[in-house]
């Protein structure tokens, strides 16, 4: 069973992956898993598991966003995933983007994950 991350753990993991990407991609590698492993081995201030969510490959780690009702894709009606530190096709950086795993549509936003969590409804499976 996968561990469900707290918001703080999730935020720290995202920051570590972003740092690994910035430092090692594309200078040393183009593989984020290798970049993250290098970061953890060489530079990290605290030890983290090396497993990284692979949403595009059909697997995903449990995150705090799983407790919220996420929007559906306006193009194909599939529940979307929240991507952090997103870049659009013109290279502009956004805080987040809602991404469809089926048609790959992306909808960019300046809102942080925490801001989205305040705006979204709590999922029915979480409500008591």
N, C-alpha and C. Protein backbone atom coordinates (compact mmCIF):
# COMPACT_ATOMS: atom_id res chain seq x y z
N UNK A 1 0.84 -1.18 0.00
CA UNK A 1 0.00 0.00 0.00
C UNK A 1 0.88 1.25 0.00
N UNK A 2 0.50 2.24 -0.79
CA UNK A 2 1.27 3.47 -0.88
C UNK A 2 0.98 4.38 0.30
N UNK A 3 1.97 5.09 0.75
CA UNK A 3 1.81 6.04 1.84
C UNK A 3 1.14 7.30 1.30
N UNK A 4 0.18 7.81 2.01
CA UNK A 4 -0.46 9.07 1.65
C UNK A 4 0.36 10.18 2.26
N UNK A 5 0.82 11.12 1.43
CA UNK A 5 1.65 12.21 1.90
C UNK A 5 0.82 13.31 2.55
N UNK A 6 1.38 13.91 3.58
CA UNK A 6 0.76 15.11 4.14
C UNK A 6 1.04 16.24 3.17
N UNK A 7 0.35 17.37 3.33
CA UNK A 7 0.59 18.49 2.43
C UNK A 7 2.05 18.94 2.52
N UNK A 8 2.61 19.01 3.73
CA UNK A 8 4.00 19.44 3.90
C UNK A 8 4.96 18.47 3.21
N UNK A 9 4.76 17.16 3.38
CA UNK A 9 5.60 16.17 2.72
C UNK A 9 5.50 16.28 1.20
N UNK A 10 4.28 16.47 0.73
CA UNK A 10 4.04 16.62 -0.71
C UNK A 10 4.77 17.85 -1.25
N UNK A 11 4.63 18.97 -0.55
CA UNK A 11 5.27 20.21 -0.96
C UNK A 11 6.80 20.06 -0.97
N UNK A 12 7.35 19.43 0.05
CA UNK A 12 8.80 19.22 0.12
C UNK A 12 9.29 18.32 -1.01
N UNK A 13 8.52 17.29 -1.33
CA UNK A 13 8.89 16.38 -2.42
C UNK A 13 8.88 17.14 -3.75
N UNK A 14 7.87 17.93 -3.99
CA UNK A 14 7.77 18.69 -5.24
C UNK A 14 8.95 19.66 -5.36
N UNK A 15 9.29 20.34 -4.27
CA UNK A 15 10.42 21.26 -4.28
C UNK A 15 11.73 20.53 -4.57
N UNK A 16 11.91 19.34 -4.00
CA UNK A 16 13.13 18.56 -4.23
C UNK A 16 13.22 18.12 -5.69
N UNK A 17 12.11 17.69 -6.25
CA UNK A 17 12.11 17.26 -7.66
C UNK A 17 12.41 18.46 -8.57
N UNK A 18 11.83 19.62 -8.25
CA UNK A 18 12.09 20.82 -9.05
C UNK A 18 13.57 21.22 -8.98
N UNK A 19 14.17 21.13 -7.80
CA UNK A 19 15.59 21.45 -7.65
C UNK A 19 16.44 20.47 -8.45
N UNK A 20 16.10 19.19 -8.38
CA UNK A 20 16.84 18.17 -9.12
C UNK A 20 16.78 18.44 -10.61
N UNK A 21 15.60 18.80 -11.09
CA UNK A 21 15.42 19.10 -12.50
C UNK A 21 16.26 20.30 -12.92
N UNK A 22 16.20 21.36 -12.13
CA UNK A 22 16.91 22.59 -12.45
C UNK A 22 18.43 22.38 -12.48
N UNK A 23 18.93 21.59 -11.56
CA UNK A 23 20.37 21.39 -11.44
C UNK A 23 20.92 20.39 -12.47
N UNK A 24 20.22 19.27 -12.67
CA UNK A 24 20.79 18.18 -13.46
C UNK A 24 20.25 18.02 -14.88
N UNK A 25 19.10 18.64 -15.20
CA UNK A 25 18.50 18.48 -16.53
C UNK A 25 18.69 19.77 -17.31
N UNK A 26 19.18 19.78 -18.52
CA UNK A 26 19.66 18.68 -19.35
C UNK A 26 21.17 18.50 -19.29
N UNK A 27 21.85 19.16 -18.35
CA UNK A 27 23.31 19.16 -18.32
C UNK A 27 23.92 17.79 -18.05
N UNK A 28 23.33 17.04 -17.14
CA UNK A 28 23.87 15.74 -16.76
C UNK A 28 23.02 14.61 -17.32
N UNK A 29 21.70 14.77 -17.27
CA UNK A 29 20.77 13.74 -17.73
C UNK A 29 19.47 14.39 -18.20
N UNK A 30 18.67 13.64 -18.93
CA UNK A 30 17.33 14.11 -19.30
C UNK A 30 16.27 13.29 -18.59
N UNK A 31 16.69 12.38 -17.72
CA UNK A 31 15.78 11.50 -17.00
C UNK A 31 15.56 12.04 -15.59
N UNK A 32 14.32 12.41 -15.27
CA UNK A 32 14.04 13.01 -13.96
C UNK A 32 14.31 12.04 -12.81
N UNK A 33 14.12 10.75 -13.03
CA UNK A 33 14.41 9.78 -11.97
C UNK A 33 15.89 9.76 -11.63
N UNK A 34 16.73 9.83 -12.65
CA UNK A 34 18.18 9.87 -12.42
C UNK A 34 18.56 11.20 -11.78
N UNK A 35 17.97 12.30 -12.25
CA UNK A 35 18.25 13.62 -11.68
C UNK A 35 17.88 13.65 -10.20
N UNK A 36 16.72 13.09 -9.86
CA UNK A 36 16.28 13.08 -8.46
C UNK A 36 17.20 12.21 -7.61
N UNK A 37 17.61 11.07 -8.14
CA UNK A 37 18.53 10.20 -7.40
C UNK A 37 19.87 10.91 -7.16
N UNK A 38 20.38 11.61 -8.18
CA UNK A 38 21.61 12.37 -8.01
C UNK A 38 21.44 13.46 -6.96
N UNK A 39 20.34 14.17 -7.03
CA UNK A 39 20.06 15.22 -6.05
C UNK A 39 20.03 14.65 -4.64
N UNK A 40 19.32 13.55 -4.47
CA UNK A 40 19.21 12.93 -3.14
C UNK A 40 20.57 12.46 -2.63
N UNK A 41 21.39 11.91 -3.52
CA UNK A 41 22.69 11.38 -3.14
C UNK A 41 23.70 12.48 -2.83
N UNK A 42 23.67 13.55 -3.63
CA UNK A 42 24.72 14.57 -3.54
C UNK A 42 24.33 15.78 -2.71
N UNK A 43 23.09 16.28 -2.88
CA UNK A 43 22.76 17.60 -2.34
C UNK A 43 21.66 17.65 -1.28
N UNK A 44 20.84 16.66 -1.20
CA UNK A 44 19.65 16.75 -0.33
C UNK A 44 20.02 16.92 1.13
N UNK A 45 19.21 17.75 1.81
CA UNK A 45 19.41 17.99 3.23
C UNK A 45 18.74 16.92 4.08
N UNK A 46 17.76 16.23 3.50
CA UNK A 46 17.10 15.14 4.22
C UNK A 46 16.86 13.98 3.25
N UNK A 47 16.82 12.79 3.79
CA UNK A 47 16.64 11.61 2.97
C UNK A 47 15.17 11.44 2.59
N UNK A 48 14.92 11.14 1.31
CA UNK A 48 13.58 10.87 0.80
C UNK A 48 13.62 9.59 -0.02
N UNK A 49 12.51 8.91 -0.08
CA UNK A 49 12.42 7.74 -0.95
C UNK A 49 12.61 8.19 -2.39
N UNK A 50 13.20 7.33 -3.21
CA UNK A 50 13.50 7.71 -4.59
C UNK A 50 12.35 7.43 -5.55
N UNK A 51 11.23 6.94 -5.05
CA UNK A 51 10.10 6.64 -5.92
C UNK A 51 9.41 7.94 -6.30
N UNK A 52 9.17 8.10 -7.61
CA UNK A 52 8.52 9.30 -8.12
C UNK A 52 7.24 8.89 -8.83
N UNK A 53 6.18 9.65 -8.63
CA UNK A 53 4.91 9.38 -9.29
C UNK A 53 5.07 9.43 -10.80
N UNK A 54 4.44 8.48 -11.49
CA UNK A 54 4.48 8.46 -12.95
C UNK A 54 3.07 8.49 -13.47
N UNK A 55 2.40 9.61 -13.31
CA UNK A 55 1.00 9.77 -13.73
C UNK A 55 0.84 9.43 -15.21
N UNK A 56 1.78 9.91 -16.05
CA UNK A 56 1.67 9.66 -17.48
C UNK A 56 1.74 8.17 -17.80
N UNK A 57 2.41 7.39 -16.99
CA UNK A 57 2.53 5.97 -17.22
C UNK A 57 1.39 5.17 -16.59
N UNK A 58 0.46 5.86 -15.99
CA UNK A 58 -0.71 5.18 -15.44
C UNK A 58 -0.63 4.86 -13.97
N UNK A 59 0.40 5.31 -13.28
CA UNK A 59 0.53 5.08 -11.85
C UNK A 59 0.67 6.45 -11.19
N UNK A 60 0.21 6.57 -9.98
CA UNK A 60 0.40 7.83 -9.28
C UNK A 60 0.47 7.59 -7.79
N UNK A 61 1.29 8.38 -7.13
CA UNK A 61 1.38 8.31 -5.68
C UNK A 61 0.17 9.02 -5.09
N UNK A 62 -0.21 8.61 -3.89
CA UNK A 62 -1.30 9.30 -3.21
C UNK A 62 -0.81 10.67 -2.76
N UNK A 63 -1.65 11.68 -2.95
CA UNK A 63 -1.29 13.05 -2.59
C UNK A 63 -2.44 13.69 -1.83
N UNK A 64 -2.19 14.85 -1.22
CA UNK A 64 -3.28 15.54 -0.53
C UNK A 64 -4.44 15.91 -1.48
N UNK A 65 -4.18 16.06 -2.76
CA UNK A 65 -5.24 16.40 -3.72
C UNK A 65 -6.28 15.29 -3.85
N UNK A 66 -5.94 14.08 -3.44
CA UNK A 66 -6.90 12.96 -3.52
C UNK A 66 -8.09 13.16 -2.59
N UNK A 67 -7.97 14.08 -1.65
CA UNK A 67 -9.07 14.36 -0.73
C UNK A 67 -10.06 15.39 -1.28
N UNK A 68 -9.82 15.87 -2.49
CA UNK A 68 -10.66 16.91 -3.08
C UNK A 68 -11.27 16.47 -4.41
N UNK A 69 -12.43 17.04 -4.71
CA UNK A 69 -13.06 16.79 -6.00
C UNK A 69 -12.33 17.62 -7.04
N UNK A 70 -11.72 16.95 -8.00
CA UNK A 70 -10.97 17.64 -9.04
C UNK A 70 -11.87 17.89 -10.24
N UNK A 71 -11.56 18.93 -11.02
CA UNK A 71 -12.38 19.22 -12.19
C UNK A 71 -12.23 18.14 -13.27
N UNK A 72 -13.23 18.06 -14.12
CA UNK A 72 -13.16 17.15 -15.26
C UNK A 72 -12.75 17.93 -16.49
N UNK A 73 -12.15 17.24 -17.42
CA UNK A 73 -11.69 17.86 -18.67
C UNK A 73 -12.89 18.33 -19.48
N UNK A 74 -12.91 19.58 -19.89
CA UNK A 74 -14.02 20.07 -20.69
C UNK A 74 -14.05 19.46 -22.10
N UNK A 75 -12.96 18.83 -22.50
CA UNK A 75 -12.89 18.24 -23.84
C UNK A 75 -13.31 16.78 -23.87
N UNK A 76 -13.03 16.02 -22.80
CA UNK A 76 -13.37 14.59 -22.84
C UNK A 76 -14.00 14.07 -21.55
N UNK A 77 -14.24 14.95 -20.57
CA UNK A 77 -14.96 14.63 -19.34
C UNK A 77 -14.24 13.65 -18.41
N UNK A 78 -12.92 13.59 -18.48
CA UNK A 78 -12.11 12.74 -17.61
C UNK A 78 -11.63 13.59 -16.43
N UNK A 79 -11.58 13.02 -15.23
CA UNK A 79 -11.06 13.74 -14.06
C UNK A 79 -9.59 14.08 -14.31
N UNK A 80 -9.24 15.34 -14.07
CA UNK A 80 -7.88 15.80 -14.37
C UNK A 80 -6.98 15.70 -13.14
N UNK A 81 -5.68 15.77 -13.38
CA UNK A 81 -4.64 15.73 -12.35
C UNK A 81 -4.03 17.12 -12.25
N UNK A 82 -3.54 17.48 -11.09
CA UNK A 82 -2.89 18.77 -10.90
C UNK A 82 -1.39 18.63 -11.11
N UNK A 83 -0.86 19.37 -12.05
CA UNK A 83 0.57 19.39 -12.33
C UNK A 83 1.16 20.64 -11.68
N UNK A 84 2.29 20.50 -11.03
CA UNK A 84 2.92 21.60 -10.32
C UNK A 84 4.15 22.07 -11.09
N UNK A 85 4.41 23.37 -11.04
CA UNK A 85 5.52 23.99 -11.80
C UNK A 85 5.38 23.68 -13.28
N UNK A 86 4.23 23.99 -13.84
CA UNK A 86 3.93 23.69 -15.24
C UNK A 86 4.51 24.75 -16.18
N UNK A 87 4.88 24.32 -17.38
CA UNK A 87 5.33 25.23 -18.44
C UNK A 87 4.42 25.04 -19.63
N UNK A 88 4.00 26.17 -20.22
CA UNK A 88 3.17 26.05 -21.41
C UNK A 88 4.05 25.91 -22.65
N UNK A 89 3.44 25.79 -23.82
CA UNK A 89 4.19 25.55 -25.06
C UNK A 89 5.11 26.72 -25.44
N UNK A 90 4.86 27.90 -24.87
CA UNK A 90 5.72 29.05 -25.15
C UNK A 90 6.82 29.21 -24.10
N UNK A 91 6.88 28.28 -23.14
CA UNK A 91 7.91 28.31 -22.12
C UNK A 91 7.57 29.12 -20.88
N UNK A 92 6.36 29.67 -20.82
CA UNK A 92 5.95 30.43 -19.63
C UNK A 92 5.73 29.47 -18.47
N UNK A 93 6.24 29.84 -17.31
CA UNK A 93 6.08 29.00 -16.13
C UNK A 93 4.82 29.40 -15.36
N UNK A 94 4.08 28.40 -14.91
CA UNK A 94 2.85 28.59 -14.15
C UNK A 94 2.99 27.84 -12.83
N UNK A 95 2.26 28.27 -11.82
CA UNK A 95 2.29 27.58 -10.53
C UNK A 95 1.73 26.17 -10.66
N UNK A 96 0.63 26.04 -11.40
CA UNK A 96 -0.02 24.73 -11.58
C UNK A 96 -0.69 24.66 -12.96
N UNK A 97 -1.08 23.45 -13.31
CA UNK A 97 -1.89 23.23 -14.51
C UNK A 97 -2.75 22.00 -14.26
N UNK A 98 -3.99 22.04 -14.68
CA UNK A 98 -4.84 20.86 -14.66
C UNK A 98 -4.58 20.12 -15.96
N UNK A 99 -4.26 18.83 -15.86
CA UNK A 99 -3.87 18.03 -17.02
C UNK A 99 -4.80 16.84 -17.18
N UNK A 100 -5.21 16.61 -18.41
CA UNK A 100 -6.04 15.45 -18.71
C UNK A 100 -5.13 14.30 -19.16
N UNK A 101 -5.26 13.16 -18.52
CA UNK A 101 -4.46 12.00 -18.87
C UNK A 101 -4.94 11.29 -20.12
N UNK A 102 -6.12 11.65 -20.61
CA UNK A 102 -6.65 10.99 -21.80
C UNK A 102 -6.35 11.79 -23.08
N UNK A 103 -6.74 13.06 -23.11
CA UNK A 103 -6.53 13.85 -24.33
C UNK A 103 -5.33 14.80 -24.19
N UNK A 104 -4.70 14.83 -23.02
CA UNK A 104 -3.50 15.61 -22.73
C UNK A 104 -3.71 17.12 -22.81
N UNK A 105 -4.95 17.57 -22.68
CA UNK A 105 -5.22 19.01 -22.60
C UNK A 105 -4.64 19.53 -21.29
N UNK A 106 -4.13 20.75 -21.30
CA UNK A 106 -3.58 21.38 -20.10
C UNK A 106 -4.19 22.75 -19.92
N UNK A 107 -4.56 23.07 -18.68
CA UNK A 107 -5.17 24.34 -18.34
C UNK A 107 -4.34 24.98 -17.23
N UNK A 108 -3.65 26.06 -17.55
CA UNK A 108 -2.65 26.66 -16.67
C UNK A 108 -3.26 27.65 -15.68
N UNK A 109 -2.60 27.78 -14.52
CA UNK A 109 -3.10 28.66 -13.47
C UNK A 109 -1.94 29.20 -12.64
N UNK A 110 -2.15 30.39 -12.08
CA UNK A 110 -1.18 30.97 -11.15
C UNK A 110 -1.45 30.51 -9.72
N UNK A 111 -2.54 29.76 -9.50
CA UNK A 111 -2.87 29.29 -8.15
C UNK A 111 -1.92 28.18 -7.72
N UNK A 112 -1.57 28.20 -6.44
CA UNK A 112 -0.73 27.15 -5.86
C UNK A 112 -1.61 25.95 -5.51
N UNK A 113 -1.02 24.79 -5.26
CA UNK A 113 -1.83 23.64 -4.81
C UNK A 113 -2.64 23.97 -3.56
N UNK A 114 -2.03 24.72 -2.63
CA UNK A 114 -2.73 25.08 -1.40
C UNK A 114 -3.95 25.95 -1.70
N UNK A 115 -3.82 26.88 -2.64
CA UNK A 115 -4.96 27.72 -3.03
C UNK A 115 -6.06 26.88 -3.66
N UNK A 116 -5.67 25.90 -4.49
CA UNK A 116 -6.68 25.00 -5.08
C UNK A 116 -7.39 24.21 -4.00
N UNK A 117 -6.65 23.75 -3.00
CA UNK A 117 -7.25 22.95 -1.94
C UNK A 117 -8.28 23.76 -1.15
N UNK A 118 -8.06 25.06 -1.01
CA UNK A 118 -9.03 25.92 -0.33
C UNK A 118 -10.28 26.12 -1.17
N UNK A 119 -10.13 26.08 -2.48
CA UNK A 119 -11.24 26.34 -3.39
C UNK A 119 -12.07 25.10 -3.72
N UNK A 120 -11.42 23.95 -3.81
CA UNK A 120 -12.12 22.71 -4.19
C UNK A 120 -12.94 22.14 -3.05
N UNK A 121 -13.97 21.39 -3.40
CA UNK A 121 -14.80 20.71 -2.40
C UNK A 121 -14.09 19.45 -1.92
N UNK A 122 -14.34 19.10 -0.65
CA UNK A 122 -13.81 17.85 -0.10
C UNK A 122 -14.53 16.70 -0.81
N UNK A 123 -13.78 15.69 -1.20
CA UNK A 123 -14.35 14.54 -1.91
C UNK A 123 -15.30 13.78 -0.99
N UNK A 124 -16.31 13.16 -1.58
CA UNK A 124 -17.33 12.44 -0.81
C UNK A 124 -16.72 11.29 -0.01
N UNK A 125 -15.69 10.63 -0.54
CA UNK A 125 -15.07 9.51 0.18
C UNK A 125 -14.35 9.97 1.44
N UNK A 126 -14.08 11.28 1.57
CA UNK A 126 -13.40 11.82 2.73
C UNK A 126 -14.39 12.36 3.76
N UNK A 127 -15.54 12.84 3.30
CA UNK A 127 -16.55 13.40 4.19
C UNK A 127 -17.09 12.34 5.14
N UNK A 128 -17.39 12.75 6.34
CA UNK A 128 -17.92 11.79 7.32
C UNK A 128 -19.34 12.10 7.65
